[in-house]
PDB file of N, CA and C in Angstrom:
ATOM      1  N   UNK A   1    -105.338  77.122 129.649  1.00  0.00           N
ATOM      2  CA  UNK A   1    -106.231  77.110 128.981  1.00  0.00           C
ATOM      3  C   UNK A   1    -106.005  77.905 127.558  1.00  0.00           C
ATOM      4  N   UNK A   2    -105.546  76.616 126.784  1.00  0.00           N
ATOM      5  CA  UNK A   2    -104.816  76.291 125.567  1.00  0.00           C
ATOM      6  C   UNK A   2    -106.259  76.314 124.194  1.00  0.00           C
ATOM      7  N   UNK A   3    -105.979  77.199 123.472  1.00  0.00           N
ATOM      8  CA  UNK A   3    -106.693  77.154 122.560  1.00  0.00           C
ATOM      9  C   UNK A   3    -106.687  76.706 120.965  1.00  0.00           C
ATOM     10  N   UNK A   4    -107.131  75.845 120.520  1.00  0.00           N
ATOM     11  CA  UNK A   4    -106.402  75.254 118.996  1.00  0.00           C
ATOM     12  C   UNK A   4    -107.467  75.816 117.999  1.00  0.00           C
ATOM     13  N   UNK A   5    -106.807  75.769 116.963  1.00  0.00           N
ATOM     14  CA  UNK A   5    -107.104  76.218 115.827  1.00  0.00           C
ATOM     15  C   UNK A   5    -107.097  75.261 114.830  1.00  0.00           C
ATOM     16  N   UNK A   6    -107.601  74.808 114.189  1.00  0.00           N
ATOM     17  CA  UNK A   6    -107.045  73.832 113.089  1.00  0.00           C
ATOM     18  C   UNK A   6    -107.890  74.299 112.010  1.00  0.00           C
ATOM     19  N   UNK A   7    -106.910  74.417 111.006  1.00  0.00           N
ATOM     20  CA  UNK A   7    -107.505  75.135 109.694  1.00  0.00           C
ATOM     21  C   UNK A   7    -107.274  73.603 108.818  1.00  0.00           C
ATOM     22  N   UNK A   8    -107.947  73.737 107.715  1.00  0.00           N
ATOM     23  CA  UNK A   8    -107.881  72.824 106.471  1.00  0.00           C
ATOM     24  C   UNK A   8    -108.396  72.970 105.004  1.00  0.00           C
ATOM     25  N   UNK A   9    -107.757  72.663 104.265  1.00  0.00           N
ATOM     26  CA  UNK A   9    -108.230  72.935 102.920  1.00  0.00           C
ATOM     27  C   UNK A   9    -109.830  71.706 102.634  1.00  0.00           C
ATOM     28  N   UNK A  10    -110.647  72.212 101.832  1.00  0.00           N
ATOM     29  CA  UNK A  10    -111.913  71.507 101.855  1.00  0.00           C
ATOM     30  C   UNK A  10    -112.065  70.841 100.915  1.00  0.00           C
ATOM     31  N   UNK A  11    -110.462  69.888 100.956  1.00  0.00           N
ATOM     32  CA  UNK A  11    -110.693  68.975  99.873  1.00  0.00           C
ATOM     33  C   UNK A  11    -110.410  67.539 100.771  1.00  0.00           C
ATOM     34  N   UNK A  12    -110.562  68.256 102.200  1.00  0.00           N
ATOM     35  CA  UNK A  12    -110.652  66.843 103.025  1.00  0.00           C
ATOM     36  C   UNK A  12    -111.975  66.473 103.774  1.00  0.00           C
ATOM     37  N   UNK A  13    -111.853  65.932 103.929  1.00  0.00           N
ATOM     38  CA  UNK A  13    -113.419  65.228 104.335  1.00  0.00           C
ATOM     39  C   UNK A  13    -113.532  64.198 105.316  1.00  0.00           C
ATOM     40  N   UNK A  14    -113.276  65.196 106.083  1.00  0.00           N
ATOM     41  CA  UNK A  14    -112.883  64.609 108.044  1.00  0.00           C
ATOM     42  C   UNK A  14    -114.012  64.941 108.912  1.00  0.00           C
ATOM     43  N   UNK A  15    -114.542  66.246 108.535  1.00  0.00           N
ATOM     44  CA  UNK A  15    -115.490  66.830 109.518  1.00  0.00           C
ATOM     45  C   UNK A  15    -116.333  66.383 110.674  1.00  0.00           C
ATOM     46  N   UNK A  16    -116.631  64.782 110.369  1.00  0.00           N
ATOM     47  CA  UNK A  16    -117.652  64.003 111.132  1.00  0.00           C
ATOM     48  C   UNK A  16    -116.492  63.165 112.455  1.00  0.00           C
ATOM     49  N   UNK A  17    -114.940  63.339 112.177  1.00  0.00           N
ATOM     50  CA  UNK A  17    -114.127  62.776 113.315  1.00  0.00           C
ATOM     51  C   UNK A  17    -113.564  63.904 114.335  1.00  0.00           C
ATOM     52  N   UNK A  18    -113.744  65.389 114.083  1.00  0.00           N
ATOM     53  CA  UNK A  18    -112.981  65.994 114.474  1.00  0.00           C
ATOM     54  C   UNK A  18    -113.250  65.696 116.432  1.00  0.00           C
ATOM     55  N   UNK A  19    -114.695  65.787 116.618  1.00  0.00           N
ATOM     56  CA  UNK A  19    -114.647  65.529 118.269  1.00  0.00           C
ATOM     57  C   UNK A  19    -113.446  64.434 118.822  1.00  0.00           C
ATOM     58  N   UNK A  20    -113.132  63.307 117.752  1.00  0.00           N
ATOM     59  CA  UNK A  20    -112.116  62.500 118.546  1.00  0.00           C
ATOM     60  C   UNK A  20    -110.828  62.915 118.254  1.00  0.00           C
ATOM     61  N   UNK A  21    -110.321  63.794 117.330  1.00  0.00           N
ATOM     62  CA  UNK A  21    -109.356  64.591 117.134  1.00  0.00           C
ATOM     63  C   UNK A  21    -108.570  65.735 118.543  1.00  0.00           C
ATOM     64  N   UNK A  22    -109.778  66.103 118.511  1.00  0.00           N
ATOM     65  CA  UNK A  22    -109.912  67.227 119.959  1.00  0.00           C
ATOM     66  C   UNK A  22    -110.061  66.768 121.544  1.00  0.00           C
ATOM     67  N   UNK A  23    -110.493  65.317 121.733  1.00  0.00           N
ATOM     68  CA  UNK A  23    -110.753  64.596 122.414  1.00  0.00           C
ATOM     69  C   UNK A  23    -109.153  64.229 122.734  1.00  0.00           C
ATOM     70  N   UNK A  24    -108.703  63.827 121.981  1.00  0.00           N
ATOM     71  CA  UNK A  24    -107.117  63.308 122.413  1.00  0.00           C
ATOM     72  C   UNK A  24    -105.879  64.073 122.447  1.00  0.00           C
ATOM     73  N   UNK A  25    -106.389  65.438 121.968  1.00  0.00           N
ATOM     74  CA  UNK A  25    -105.587  66.611 121.813  1.00  0.00           C
ATOM     75  C   UNK A  25    -105.543  67.319 123.313  1.00  0.00           C
ATOM     76  N   UNK A  26    -106.457  67.296 123.538  1.00  0.00           N
ATOM     77  CA  UNK A  26    -107.095  67.779 125.134  1.00  0.00           C
ATOM     78  C   UNK A  26    -106.523  67.217 126.026  1.00  0.00           C
ATOM     79  N   UNK A  27    -106.789  65.698 126.248  1.00  0.00           N
ATOM     80  CA  UNK A  27    -106.687  64.941 127.324  1.00  0.00           C
ATOM     81  C   UNK A  27    -104.842  65.383 127.620  1.00  0.00           C
ATOM     82  N   UNK A  28    -103.999  65.178 125.689  1.00  0.00           N
ATOM     83  CA  UNK A  28    -102.940  65.315 125.999  1.00  0.00           C
ATOM     84  C   UNK A  28    -102.263  66.753 126.348  1.00  0.00           C
ATOM     85  N   UNK A  29    -102.712  67.789 126.298  1.00  0.00           N
ATOM     86  CA  UNK A  29    -102.682  68.779 126.946  1.00  0.00           C
ATOM     87  C   UNK A  29    -102.661  68.901 128.437  1.00  0.00           C
ATOM     88  N   UNK A  30    -104.152  68.258 128.857  1.00  0.00           N
ATOM     89  CA  UNK A  30    -104.351  68.471 130.410  1.00  0.00           C
ATOM     90  C   UNK A  30    -103.253  67.631 131.224  1.00  0.00           C
ATOM     91  N   UNK A  31    -102.197  66.825 130.489  1.00  0.00           N
ATOM     92  CA  UNK A  31    -101.896  66.542 131.308  1.00  0.00           C
ATOM     93  C   UNK A  31    -100.065  66.650 130.784  1.00  0.00           C
ATOM     94  N   UNK A  32     -99.455  67.067 130.054  1.00  0.00           N
ATOM     95  CA  UNK A  32     -98.337  68.055 129.823  1.00  0.00           C
ATOM     96  C   UNK A  32     -98.246  68.784 130.084  1.00  0.00           C
ATOM     97  N   UNK A  33     -99.136  69.902 129.909  1.00  0.00           N
ATOM     98  CA  UNK A  33     -98.776  71.620 130.399  1.00  0.00           C
ATOM     99  C   UNK A  33     -98.425  71.360 131.876  1.00  0.00           C
ATOM    100  N   UNK A  34     -98.886  70.951 132.673  1.00  0.00           N
ATOM    101  CA  UNK A  34    -100.545  70.844 132.495  1.00  0.00           C
ATOM    102  C   UNK A  34    -101.329  71.800 132.895  1.00  0.00           C
ATOM    103  N   UNK A  35    -103.338  71.905 132.367  1.00  0.00           N
ATOM    104  CA  UNK A  35    -103.646  72.175 132.748  1.00  0.00           C
ATOM    105  C   UNK A  35    -105.549  71.689 132.993  1.00  0.00           C
ATOM    106  N   UNK A  36    -106.086  72.116 133.255  1.00  0.00           N
ATOM    107  CA  UNK A  36    -107.478  71.615 133.540  1.00  0.00           C
ATOM    108  C   UNK A  36    -107.947  71.189 132.161  1.00  0.00           C
ATOM    109  N   UNK A  37    -109.048  70.315 131.777  1.00  0.00           N
ATOM    110  CA  UNK A  37    -109.159  69.571 130.645  1.00  0.00           C
ATOM    111  C   UNK A  37    -110.009  70.485 129.876  1.00  0.00           C
ATOM    112  N   UNK A  38    -110.914  71.339 130.969  1.00  0.00           N
ATOM    113  CA  UNK A  38    -111.859  72.048 131.028  1.00  0.00           C
ATOM    114  C   UNK A  38    -111.829  73.356 130.220  1.00  0.00           C
ATOM    115  N   UNK A  39    -110.680  73.547 130.342  1.00  0.00           N
ATOM    116  CA  UNK A  39    -110.052  74.591 130.129  1.00  0.00           C
ATOM    117  C   UNK A  39    -109.496  74.760 128.785  1.00  0.00           C
ATOM    118  N   UNK A  40    -109.391  73.980 128.072  1.00  0.00           N
ATOM    119  CA  UNK A  40    -109.004  73.501 126.562  1.00  0.00           C
ATOM    120  C   UNK A  40    -109.754  73.579 125.429  1.00  0.00           C
ATOM    121  N   UNK A  41    -110.077  74.639 124.586  1.00  0.00           N
ATOM    122  CA  UNK A  41    -111.353  75.205 123.425  1.00  0.00           C
ATOM    123  C   UNK A  41    -111.006  75.119 121.924  1.00  0.00           C
ATOM    124  N   UNK A  42    -111.461  74.285 121.785  1.00  0.00           N
ATOM    125  CA  UNK A  42    -110.667  73.979 120.137  1.00  0.00           C
ATOM    126  C   UNK A  42    -112.078  74.033 118.870  1.00  0.00           C
ATOM    127  N   UNK A  43    -111.583  74.937 117.651  1.00  0.00           N
ATOM    128  CA  UNK A  43    -112.313  75.168 116.837  1.00  0.00           C
ATOM    129  C   UNK A  43    -111.841  74.620 115.652  1.00  0.00           C
ATOM    130  N   UNK A  44    -112.824  74.316 114.377  1.00  0.00           N
ATOM    131  CA  UNK A  44    -112.066  74.169 112.874  1.00  0.00           C
ATOM    132  C   UNK A  44    -112.191  75.290 112.191  1.00  0.00           C
ATOM    133  N   UNK A  45    -111.406  75.617 111.260  1.00  0.00           N
ATOM    134  CA  UNK A  45    -111.873  76.711 110.317  1.00  0.00           C
ATOM    135  C   UNK A  45    -111.583  75.880 108.513  1.00  0.00           C
ATOM    136  N   UNK A  46    -112.349  75.427 107.377  1.00  0.00           N
ATOM    137  CA  UNK A  46    -112.417  75.392 106.779  1.00  0.00           C
ATOM    138  C   UNK A  46    -112.118  76.398 105.814  1.00  0.00           C
ATOM    139  N   UNK A  47    -111.226  75.914 104.556  1.00  0.00           N
ATOM    140  CA  UNK A  47    -110.583  76.924 103.982  1.00  0.00           C
ATOM    141  C   UNK A  47    -111.108  76.240 102.132  1.00  0.00           C
ATOM    142  N   UNK A  48    -112.124  77.080 101.425  1.00  0.00           N
ATOM    143  CA  UNK A  48    -112.789  76.479 100.661  1.00  0.00           C
ATOM    144  C   UNK A  48    -111.756  77.742  99.449  1.00  0.00           C
ATOM    145  N   UNK A  49    -110.960  78.650  99.450  1.00  0.00           N
ATOM    146  CA  UNK A  49    -110.423  78.698  98.279  1.00  0.00           C
ATOM    147  C   UNK A  49    -108.805  78.985  99.167  1.00  0.00           C
ATOM    148  N   UNK A  50    -108.181  78.464  98.658  1.00  0.00           N
ATOM    149  CA  UNK A  50    -106.559  77.569  99.077  1.00  0.00           C
ATOM    150  C   UNK A  50    -105.788  78.028  97.746  1.00  0.00           C
ATOM    151  N   UNK A  51    -104.554  77.694  98.196  1.00  0.00           N
ATOM    152  CA  UNK A  51    -103.361  77.815  96.951  1.00  0.00           C
ATOM    153  C   UNK A  51    -102.634  77.449  97.271  1.00  0.00           C
ATOM    154  N   UNK A  52    -102.374  76.038  96.615  1.00  0.00           N
ATOM    155  CA  UNK A  52    -100.966  75.330  97.129  1.00  0.00           C
ATOM    156  C   UNK A  52     -99.768  74.973  95.631  1.00  0.00           C
ATOM    157  N   UNK A  53     -98.444  75.554  96.362  1.00  0.00           N
ATOM    158  CA  UNK A  53     -98.011  74.725  94.835  1.00  0.00           C
ATOM    159  C   UNK A  53     -98.000  75.164  94.169  1.00  0.00           C
ATOM    160  N   UNK A  54     -98.455  74.223  93.236  1.00  0.00           N
ATOM    161  CA  UNK A  54     -98.736  74.500  91.662  1.00  0.00           C
ATOM    162  C   UNK A  54    -100.074  74.111  90.965  1.00  0.00           C
ATOM    163  N   UNK A  55    -100.939  74.285  92.348  1.00  0.00           N
ATOM    164  CA  UNK A  55    -102.445  74.120  92.337  1.00  0.00           C
ATOM    165  C   UNK A  55    -102.690  73.082  92.248  1.00  0.00           C
ATOM    166  N   UNK A  56    -102.711  71.791  91.970  1.00  0.00           N
ATOM    167  CA  UNK A  56    -102.805  70.706  91.733  1.00  0.00           C
ATOM    168  C   UNK A  56    -103.903  70.086  92.650  1.00  0.00           C
ATOM    169  N   UNK A  57    -105.309  70.146  92.368  1.00  0.00           N
ATOM    170  CA  UNK A  57    -106.134  69.280  92.738  1.00  0.00           C
ATOM    171  C   UNK A  57    -106.053  68.326  94.354  1.00  0.00           C
ATOM    172  N   UNK A  58    -104.999  67.553  93.706  1.00  0.00           N
ATOM    173  CA  UNK A  58    -104.881  66.964  94.947  1.00  0.00           C
ATOM    174  C   UNK A  58    -103.809  67.340  96.124  1.00  0.00           C
ATOM    175  N   UNK A  59    -103.591  68.107  96.092  1.00  0.00           N
ATOM    176  CA  UNK A  59    -102.938  69.450  97.427  1.00  0.00           C
ATOM    177  C   UNK A  59    -103.914  69.542  98.298  1.00  0.00           C
ATOM    178  N   UNK A  60    -103.110  69.605  99.594  1.00  0.00           N
ATOM    179  CA  UNK A  60    -104.011  69.560 100.444  1.00  0.00           C
ATOM    180  C   UNK A  60    -103.459  70.262 101.944  1.00  0.00           C
ATOM    181  N   UNK A  61    -103.785  70.575 102.812  1.00  0.00           N
ATOM    182  CA  UNK A  61    -103.399  71.287 104.402  1.00  0.00           C
ATOM    183  C   UNK A  61    -104.106  71.038 105.372  1.00  0.00           C
ATOM    184  N   UNK A  62    -103.591  70.928 106.266  1.00  0.00           N
ATOM    185  CA  UNK A  62    -103.947  70.538 107.810  1.00  0.00           C
ATOM    186  C   UNK A  62    -102.821  71.377 108.881  1.00  0.00           C
ATOM    187  N   UNK A  63    -103.655  72.753 109.367  1.00  0.00           N
ATOM    188  CA  UNK A  63    -102.762  73.263 109.747  1.00  0.00           C
ATOM    189  C   UNK A  63    -103.179  73.575 111.366  1.00  0.00           C
ATOM    190  N   UNK A  64    -102.298  73.394 112.678  1.00  0.00           N
ATOM    191  CA  UNK A  64    -102.856  73.508 113.674  1.00  0.00           C
ATOM    192  C   UNK A  64    -102.354  75.102 114.463  1.00  0.00           C
ATOM    193  N   UNK A  65    -102.909  75.031 114.992  1.00  0.00           N
ATOM    194  CA  UNK A  65    -102.216  76.344 116.057  1.00  0.00           C
ATOM    195  C   UNK A  65    -102.634  76.164 117.202  1.00  0.00           C
ATOM    196  N   UNK A  66    -101.710  75.972 118.553  1.00  0.00           N
ATOM    197  CA  UNK A  66    -102.118  76.028 119.588  1.00  0.00           C
ATOM    198  C   UNK A  66    -101.454  77.594 120.314  1.00  0.00           C
ATOM    199  N   UNK A  67    -102.476  78.111 120.823  1.00  0.00           N
ATOM    200  CA  UNK A  67    -102.004  79.474 121.898  1.00  0.00           C
ATOM    201  C   UNK A  67    -102.173  79.050 123.227  1.00  0.00           C
ATOM    202  N   UNK A  68    -101.040  78.979 123.960  1.00  0.00           N
ATOM    203  CA  UNK A  68    -101.470  78.310 125.744  1.00  0.00           C
ATOM    204  C   UNK A  68    -101.112  80.149 125.941  1.00  0.00           C
ATOM    205  N   UNK A  69    -100.915  80.264 127.446  1.00  0.00           N
ATOM    206  CA  UNK A  69    -100.072  81.078 128.386  1.00  0.00           C
ATOM    207  C   UNK A  69     -99.319  81.092 128.357  1.00  0.00           C
ATOM    208  N   UNK A  70     -97.955  81.952 128.430  1.00  0.00           N
ATOM    209  CA  UNK A  70     -96.697  82.143 128.687  1.00  0.00           C
ATOM    210  C   UNK A  70     -96.200  81.514 129.693  1.00  0.00           C
ATOM    211  N   UNK A  71     -94.778  80.835 129.140  1.00  0.00           N
ATOM    212  CA  UNK A  71     -94.078  80.732 130.857  1.00  0.00           C
ATOM    213  C   UNK A  71     -93.656  78.774 130.527  1.00  0.00           C
ATOM    214  N   UNK A  72     -94.216  78.119 129.386  1.00  0.00           N
ATOM    215  CA  UNK A  72     -93.460  77.071 128.845  1.00  0.00           C
ATOM    216  C   UNK A  72     -92.175  76.855 128.256  1.00  0.00           C
ATOM    217  N   UNK A  73     -91.161  76.382 128.810  1.00  0.00           N
ATOM    218  CA  UNK A  73     -90.288  75.957 128.235  1.00  0.00           C
ATOM    219  C   UNK A  73     -90.093  75.922 127.156  1.00  0.00           C
ATOM    220  N   UNK A  74     -89.410  76.116 125.815  1.00  0.00           N
ATOM    221  CA  UNK A  74     -89.134  76.282 124.473  1.00  0.00           C
ATOM    222  C   UNK A  74     -89.207  74.648 124.638  1.00  0.00           C
ATOM    223  N   UNK A  75     -88.234  73.525 124.951  1.00  0.00           N
ATOM    224  CA  UNK A  75     -87.809  72.071 124.712  1.00  0.00           C
ATOM    225  C   UNK A  75     -89.349  71.376 124.715  1.00  0.00           C
ATOM    226  N   UNK A  76     -90.197  72.201 125.881  1.00  0.00           N
ATOM    227  CA  UNK A  76     -91.829  71.322 126.451  1.00  0.00           C
ATOM    228  C   UNK A  76     -92.415  72.246 125.273  1.00  0.00           C
ATOM    229  N   UNK A  77     -92.387  72.796 124.925  1.00  0.00           N
ATOM    230  CA  UNK A  77     -93.162  72.999 123.343  1.00  0.00           C
ATOM    231  C   UNK A  77     -92.735  72.411 121.929  1.00  0.00           C
ATOM    232  N   UNK A  78     -91.565  72.418 122.264  1.00  0.00           N
ATOM    233  CA  UNK A  78     -90.808  71.663 120.911  1.00  0.00           C
ATOM    234  C   UNK A  78     -91.451  69.864 121.060  1.00  0.00           C
ATOM    235  N   UNK A  79     -91.455  69.699 121.968  1.00  0.00           N
ATOM    236  CA  UNK A  79     -91.639  67.664 122.248  1.00  0.00           C
ATOM    237  C   UNK A  79     -93.420  67.713 122.245  1.00  0.00           C
ATOM    238  N   UNK A  80     -94.020  68.633 122.667  1.00  0.00           N
ATOM    239  CA  UNK A  80     -95.487  69.047 122.221  1.00  0.00           C
ATOM    240  C   UNK A  80     -96.148  68.791 120.630  1.00  0.00           C
ATOM    241  N   UNK A  81     -95.265  69.590 120.060  1.00  0.00           N
ATOM    242  CA  UNK A  81     -95.287  70.235 118.930  1.00  0.00           C
ATOM    243  C   UNK A  81     -94.923  68.654 117.770  1.00  0.00           C
ATOM    244  N   UNK A  82     -93.962  68.204 118.374  1.00  0.00           N
ATOM    245  CA  UNK A  82     -93.907  67.102 117.836  1.00  0.00           C
ATOM    246  C   UNK A  82     -94.438  65.689 117.416  1.00  0.00           C
ATOM    247  N   UNK A  83     -94.497  65.439 119.455  1.00  0.00           N
ATOM    248  CA  UNK A  83     -96.001  64.428 119.558  1.00  0.00           C
ATOM    249  C   UNK A  83     -97.336  64.849 118.841  1.00  0.00           C
ATOM    250  N   UNK A  84     -98.126  66.248 119.080  1.00  0.00           N
ATOM    251  CA  UNK A  84     -98.756  66.380 118.282  1.00  0.00           C
ATOM    252  C   UNK A  84     -99.039  66.041 116.850  1.00  0.00           C
ATOM    253  N   UNK A  85     -98.096  66.079 115.997  1.00  0.00           N
ATOM    254  CA  UNK A  85     -97.591  66.411 114.655  1.00  0.00           C
ATOM    255  C   UNK A  85     -97.810  64.607 114.241  1.00  0.00           C
ATOM    256  N   UNK A  86     -97.088  63.692 115.375  1.00  0.00           N
ATOM    257  CA  UNK A  86     -97.492  62.531 114.794  1.00  0.00           C
ATOM    258  C   UNK A  86     -99.138  61.849 114.831  1.00  0.00           C
ATOM    259  N   UNK A  87     -99.684  62.761 115.823  1.00  0.00           N
ATOM    260  CA  UNK A  87    -101.230  62.381 116.053  1.00  0.00           C
ATOM    261  C   UNK A  87    -102.040  62.315 115.303  1.00  0.00           C
ATOM    262  N   UNK A  88    -101.388  63.945 114.264  1.00  0.00           N
ATOM    263  CA  UNK A  88    -102.518  64.607 112.999  1.00  0.00           C
ATOM    264  C   UNK A  88    -102.018  63.403 111.812  1.00  0.00           C
ATOM    265  N   UNK A  89    -100.042  63.161 111.867  1.00  0.00           N
ATOM    266  CA  UNK A  89    -100.392  61.887 111.204  1.00  0.00           C
ATOM    267  C   UNK A  89    -101.211  60.833 111.159  1.00  0.00           C
ATOM    268  N   UNK A  90    -101.363  60.328 112.404  1.00  0.00           N
ATOM    269  CA  UNK A  90    -101.725  59.329 112.237  1.00  0.00           C
ATOM    270  C   UNK A  90    -103.356  59.476 111.767  1.00  0.00           C
ATOM    271  N   UNK A  91    -104.067  60.400 112.349  1.00  0.00           N
ATOM    272  CA  UNK A  91    -105.641  60.790 111.916  1.00  0.00           C
ATOM    273  C   UNK A  91    -105.685  60.891 110.869  1.00  0.00           C
ATOM    274  N   UNK A  92    -104.793  61.628 110.018  1.00  0.00           N
ATOM    275  CA  UNK A  92    -105.002  62.318 108.835  1.00  0.00           C
ATOM    276  C   UNK A  92    -104.276  60.959 107.666  1.00  0.00           C
ATOM    277  N   UNK A  93    -103.778  59.575 108.322  1.00  0.00           N
ATOM    278  CA  UNK A  93    -102.864  58.847 107.811  1.00  0.00           C
ATOM    279  C   UNK A  93    -103.912  58.100 105.896  1.00  0.00           C
ATOM    280  N   UNK A  94    -105.070  58.164 106.407  1.00  0.00           N
ATOM    281  CA  UNK A  94    -106.133  57.186 104.767  1.00  0.00           C
ATOM    282  C   UNK A  94    -106.193  58.792 103.994  1.00  0.00           C
ATOM    283  N   UNK A  95    -106.144  60.172 104.594  1.00  0.00           N
ATOM    284  CA  UNK A  95    -106.327  61.289 103.229  1.00  0.00           C
ATOM    285  C   UNK A  95    -104.897  61.365 102.779  1.00  0.00           C
ATOM    286  N   UNK A  96    -103.932  61.184 103.373  1.00  0.00           N
ATOM    287  CA  UNK A  96    -102.530  61.505 103.072  1.00  0.00           C
ATOM    288  C   UNK A  96    -102.003  60.367 102.124  1.00  0.00           C
ATOM    289  N   UNK A  97    -102.883  58.967 101.982  1.00  0.00           N
ATOM    290  CA  UNK A  97    -102.602  58.337 101.011  1.00  0.00           C
ATOM    291  C   UNK A  97    -103.440  58.908  99.553  1.00  0.00           C
ATOM    292  N   UNK A  98    -104.088  59.472  99.385  1.00  0.00           N
ATOM    293  CA  UNK A  98    -105.030  60.078  98.438  1.00  0.00           C
ATOM    294  C   UNK A  98    -104.527  61.426  98.109  1.00  0.00           C
ATOM    295  N   UNK A  99    -103.926  62.323  99.014  1.00  0.00           N
ATOM    296  CA  UNK A  99    -103.714  63.823  98.571  1.00  0.00           C
ATOM    297  C   UNK A  99    -101.909  63.551  98.851  1.00  0.00           C
ATOM    298  N   UNK A 100    -101.641  64.657  98.216  1.00  0.00           N
ATOM    299  CA  UNK A 100    -100.619  65.896  98.790  1.00  0.00           C
ATOM    300  C   UNK A 100    -101.060  66.375 100.027  1.00  0.00           C
ATOM    301  N   UNK A 101    -100.720  65.447 101.255  1.00  0.00           N
ATOM    302  CA  UNK A 101    -101.679  66.486 102.173  1.00  0.00           C
ATOM    303  C   UNK A 101    -100.094  67.118 103.334  1.00  0.00           C
ATOM    304  N   UNK A 102    -100.261  68.432 103.239  1.00  0.00           N
ATOM    305  CA  UNK A 102     -98.933  68.896 104.011  1.00  0.00           C
ATOM    306  C   UNK A 102     -99.763  68.853 105.283  1.00  0.00           C
ATOM    307  N   UNK A 103     -99.271  68.751 106.645  1.00  0.00           N
ATOM    308  CA  UNK A 103     -99.291  68.726 107.688  1.00  0.00           C
ATOM    309  C   UNK A 103     -98.425  69.646 109.013  1.00  0.00           C
ATOM    310  N   UNK A 104     -98.954  70.698 109.734  1.00  0.00           N
ATOM    311  CA  UNK A 104     -98.018  71.892 110.471  1.00  0.00           C
ATOM    312  C   UNK A 104     -98.728  71.951 112.025  1.00  0.00           C
ATOM    313  N   UNK A 105     -98.015  72.371 112.679  1.00  0.00           N
ATOM    314  CA  UNK A 105     -97.967  72.377 113.985  1.00  0.00           C
ATOM    315  C   UNK A 105     -97.561  73.666 114.483  1.00  0.00           C
ATOM    316  N   UNK A 106     -98.264  75.000 115.132  1.00  0.00           N
ATOM    317  CA  UNK A 106     -97.490  75.760 115.859  1.00  0.00           C
ATOM    318  C   UNK A 106     -98.140  76.069 116.866  1.00  0.00           C
ATOM    319  N   UNK A 107     -97.210  75.869 117.926  1.00  0.00           N
ATOM    320  CA  UNK A 107     -97.231  76.823 119.391  1.00  0.00           C
ATOM    321  C   UNK A 107     -97.315  78.108 119.295  1.00  0.00           C
ATOM    322  N   UNK A 108     -97.809  78.669 119.989  1.00  0.00           N
ATOM    323  CA  UNK A 108     -97.780  80.040 120.644  1.00  0.00           C
ATOM    324  C   UNK A 108     -98.219  80.149 121.836  1.00  0.00           C
ATOM    325  N   UNK A 109     -97.106  81.503 122.480  1.00  0.00           N
ATOM    326  CA  UNK A 109     -97.689  81.834 123.748  1.00  0.00           C
ATOM    327  C   UNK A 109     -98.866  83.285 123.155  1.00  0.00           C
ATOM    328  N   UNK A 110     -99.997  83.022 124.476  1.00  0.00           N
ATOM    329  CA  UNK A 110    -101.132  83.982 124.088  1.00  0.00           C
ATOM    330  C   UNK A 110    -100.166  85.341 124.911  1.00  0.00           C
ATOM    331  N   UNK A 111    -100.617  86.758 124.003  1.00  0.00           N
ATOM    332  CA  UNK A 111    -100.293  87.412 124.709  1.00  0.00           C
ATOM    333  C   UNK A 111    -100.153  87.742 126.308  1.00  0.00           C
ATOM    334  N   UNK A 112     -99.612  88.289 126.929  1.00  0.00           N
ATOM    335  CA  UNK A 112     -99.520  88.866 128.238  1.00  0.00           C
ATOM    336  C   UNK A 112    -100.978  89.779 128.512  1.00  0.00           C
ATOM    337  N   UNK A 113    -101.749  90.336 127.357  1.00  0.00           N
ATOM    338  CA  UNK A 113    -102.571  91.320 127.811  1.00  0.00           C
ATOM    339  C   UNK A 113    -103.619  90.586 127.239  1.00  0.00           C
ATOM    340  N   UNK A 114    -103.791  89.039 127.614  1.00  0.00           N
ATOM    341  CA  UNK A 114    -105.004  88.200 126.830  1.00  0.00           C
ATOM    342  C   UNK A 114    -105.777  88.808 128.419  1.00  0.00           C
ATOM    343  N   UNK A 115    -107.320  88.340 127.789  1.00  0.00           N
ATOM    344  CA  UNK A 115    -108.362  88.251 129.122  1.00  0.00           C
ATOM    345  C   UNK A 115    -109.300  87.819 128.769  1.00  0.00           C
ATOM    346  N   UNK A 116    -110.164  87.210 129.726  1.00  0.00           N
ATOM    347  CA  UNK A 116    -110.805  86.350 129.870  1.00  0.00           C
ATOM    348  C   UNK A 116    -112.106  86.256 131.283  1.00  0.00           C
ATOM    349  N   UNK A 117    -112.647  86.320 130.778  1.00  0.00           N
ATOM    350  CA  UNK A 117    -114.301  86.113 131.763  1.00  0.00           C
ATOM    351  C   UNK A 117    -114.471  85.365 132.673  1.00  0.00           C
TER     352      UNK A 117
END
């Protein structure tokens, strides 16, 4: 039941391709965790106001947070983080040639008090 939140600076022009990225990430998580594909939920948040380093207009960021039910080993989360960071590198390859793009992935456990219907 992973929740994926992709945050990015508004100087990236990629909104028409996010379905492709999330499809790849959902399939990876369904296989690796494992989890049901239908339980993966993703959303994007674009940040129109951001400040990176010296505020150069070519500075950009993408940060993916993945929250999942607790119980996965740290080694599994680390491995997933590395795989997903590489997926982001490939997905944003053309943007990274035009911008100073910072990519990051954060994998967190959902709080034990998490509830769903």
